[in-house]
Amino acid sequence: MLTMNRTKQFLTDLNLPSGDRYDLPSSAARFPDGGHYRIEIPSVEGPAAMEAVIEAAQHYGVPLHRVSQGSGMMLLTEAYRMSEVNFVTPFEYTGLIWATLWGFWVFGEIPAWTTMFGAVLIVGAGLYVLFGAKSPDVHAELS
């Protein structure tokens, strides 16, 4: 089981920051509401692209504040467009399982019994919809 300290050490061993970089200089420029300017690189797809972004930022002396990956939601939307909702939705619920496992492995979190009970209900309902529920034949009702 990874603890937060082991995770921070792992990041440090990779020469990555182990936490927020508040020590970096801030821009004096501000938005009209007083917020700081930040540099964000959206939709970096994969480790090779992430490495290239970090190398380019270091080469040009550009402080990065956030790098994100955004294709997951786009792909999920495409799955809903191309398939039946009752087929895709149970796969989306697997996010509960993955979030629980990541929380345990990375942060050492143990979910409360109420969380586990709720997850079992949600996953069970999703499996019922996927394998057990029969969709009504709308065309038969209309004819």
Protein backbone atom coordinates (compact mmCIF):
# COMPACT_ATOMS: atom_id res chain seq x y z
CA MET A 1 0.00 0.00 0.00
CA LEU A 2 1.36 3.40 -0.95
CA THR A 3 1.09 6.16 1.58
CA MET A 4 1.15 9.85 0.79
CA ASN A 5 4.78 10.10 1.93
CA ARG A 6 5.81 7.19 -0.30
CA THR A 7 3.95 8.79 -3.20
CA LYS A 8 5.78 12.08 -2.63
CA GLN A 9 9.10 10.24 -2.46
CA PHE A 10 8.24 8.40 -5.69
CA LEU A 11 7.61 11.73 -7.45
CA THR A 12 10.82 13.19 -6.03
CA ASP A 13 12.79 10.15 -7.27
CA LEU A 14 11.45 10.93 -10.76
CA ASN A 15 12.69 14.55 -10.40
CA LEU A 16 9.08 15.76 -10.28
CA PRO A 17 7.64 18.10 -7.66
CA SER A 18 6.11 16.22 -4.75
CA GLY A 19 3.54 18.92 -4.09
CA ASP A 20 2.31 22.34 -5.13
CA ARG A 21 5.09 24.66 -6.27
CA TYR A 22 4.25 27.76 -4.28
CA ASP A 23 7.94 28.67 -4.38
CA LEU A 24 7.75 29.52 -8.09
CA PRO A 25 7.60 33.22 -8.91
CA SER A 26 4.17 34.60 -9.72
CA SER A 27 3.33 36.93 -12.53
CA ALA A 28 2.50 40.49 -11.59
CA ALA A 29 -0.22 40.42 -14.27
CA ARG A 30 -3.78 39.96 -13.02
CA PHE A 31 -7.23 39.34 -14.44
CA PRO A 32 -9.80 42.11 -13.84
CA ASP A 33 -11.06 40.24 -10.75
CA GLY A 34 -7.54 40.13 -9.26
CA GLY A 35 -6.84 36.48 -10.07
CA HIS A 36 -3.33 35.40 -11.09
CA TYR A 37 -2.49 34.50 -14.65
CA ARG A 38 -1.73 30.79 -14.91
CA ILE A 39 -0.44 28.65 -17.75
CA GLU A 40 -2.37 25.47 -18.44
CA ILE A 41 -1.75 22.95 -21.19
CA PRO A 42 -5.04 21.12 -21.86
CA SER A 43 -5.51 17.68 -23.39
CA VAL A 44 -2.01 16.26 -23.19
CA GLU A 45 -2.52 12.71 -24.45
CA GLY A 46 -0.07 10.20 -23.02
CA PRO A 47 3.32 10.10 -21.29
CA ALA A 48 5.36 11.00 -24.40
CA ALA A 49 3.32 14.15 -24.98
CA MET A 50 3.57 15.04 -21.27
CA GLU A 51 7.35 14.65 -21.40
CA ALA A 52 7.56 16.87 -24.51
CA VAL A 53 5.44 19.57 -22.84
CA ILE A 54 7.60 19.58 -19.70
CA GLU A 55 10.84 19.65 -21.74
CA ALA A 56 9.58 22.53 -23.91
CA ALA A 57 8.45 24.49 -20.84
CA GLN A 58 11.87 24.06 -19.24
CA HIS A 59 13.66 24.94 -22.50
CA TYR A 60 11.69 28.18 -22.93
CA GLY A 61 11.55 29.02 -19.22
CA VAL A 62 7.75 28.89 -19.10
CA PRO A 63 6.32 27.97 -15.68
CA LEU A 64 3.53 25.45 -16.09
CA HIS A 65 0.74 25.54 -13.53
CA ARG A 66 -1.41 22.67 -14.77
CA VAL A 67 -1.29 19.98 -17.41
CA SER A 68 -4.47 18.02 -18.02
CA GLN A 69 -5.84 15.25 -20.19
CA GLY A 70 -9.29 15.73 -21.62
CA SER A 71 -10.15 13.03 -24.13
CA GLY A 72 -11.84 10.73 -21.61
CA MET A 73 -15.04 12.77 -21.47
CA MET A 74 -15.02 13.20 -25.24
CA LEU A 75 -14.71 9.44 -25.71
CA LEU A 76 -17.46 8.77 -23.18
CA THR A 77 -19.77 11.18 -25.02
CA GLU A 78 -18.96 9.40 -28.27
CA ALA A 79 -19.74 6.04 -26.67
CA TYR A 80 -23.19 7.31 -25.64
CA ARG A 81 -23.77 8.57 -29.19
CA MET A 82 -22.77 5.27 -30.80
CA SER A 83 -24.40 2.77 -28.44
CA GLU A 84 -27.39 2.19 -26.21
CA VAL A 85 -27.35 4.16 -22.96
CA ASN A 86 -28.20 1.07 -20.91
CA PHE A 87 -25.08 -0.60 -22.32
CA VAL A 88 -22.61 2.27 -21.76
CA THR A 89 -23.76 3.49 -18.33
CA PRO A 90 -22.64 0.42 -16.32
CA PHE A 91 -19.12 0.89 -17.68
CA GLU A 92 -19.15 4.48 -16.45
CA TYR A 93 -19.96 3.19 -12.97
CA THR A 94 -16.66 1.31 -12.90
CA GLY A 95 -15.22 4.73 -12.04
CA LEU A 96 -16.43 4.07 -8.49
CA ILE A 97 -14.29 0.96 -8.31
CA TRP A 98 -11.23 2.64 -9.81
CA ALA A 99 -11.54 5.71 -7.57
CA THR A 100 -11.79 3.46 -4.50
CA LEU A 101 -8.75 1.41 -5.54
CA TRP A 102 -6.67 4.50 -6.33
CA GLY A 103 -7.68 6.08 -3.04
CA PHE A 104 -6.53 2.96 -1.21
CA TRP A 105 -3.29 2.36 -3.14
CA VAL A 106 -2.11 5.95 -3.46
CA PHE A 107 -3.49 7.67 -0.35
CA GLY A 108 -4.09 4.75 2.01
CA GLU A 109 -7.80 5.64 2.30
CA ILE A 110 -10.18 2.97 3.52
CA PRO A 111 -13.77 3.76 2.50
CA ALA A 112 -16.48 3.84 5.16
CA TRP A 113 -18.94 0.94 5.19
CA THR A 114 -21.69 3.29 4.00
CA THR A 115 -19.60 4.17 0.94
CA MET A 116 -19.01 0.49 0.18
CA PHE A 117 -22.70 -0.32 0.68
CA GLY A 118 -23.73 2.48 -1.69
CA ALA A 119 -21.15 1.37 -4.26
CA VAL A 120 -22.46 -2.21 -4.13
CA LEU A 121 -26.01 -0.94 -4.72
CA ILE A 122 -24.94 1.24 -7.66
CA VAL A 123 -22.75 -1.42 -9.27
CA GLY A 124 -25.43 -4.06 -8.70
CA ALA A 125 -28.06 -1.88 -10.36
CA GLY A 126 -25.68 -1.25 -13.27
CA LEU A 127 -25.06 -4.97 -13.72
CA TYR A 128 -28.80 -5.62 -13.58
CA VAL A 129 -29.37 -3.04 -16.31
CA LEU A 130 -26.52 -4.46 -18.38
CA PHE A 131 -27.38 -8.17 -18.09
CA GLY A 132 -30.85 -8.59 -16.65
CA ALA A 133 -33.17 -5.77 -17.64
CA LYS A 134 -35.07 -6.11 -20.87
CA SER A 135 -35.85 -2.95 -22.77
CA PRO A 136 -39.49 -2.59 -23.76
CA ASP A 137 -40.08 -2.91 -27.47
CA VAL A 138 -41.24 0.62 -28.23
CA HIS A 139 -41.97 -0.20 -31.86
CA ALA A 140 -44.37 -3.01 -30.88
CA GLU A 141 -46.28 -0.65 -28.60
CA LEU A 142 -46.63 1.96 -31.34
CA SER A 143 -47.94 -0.40 -33.99
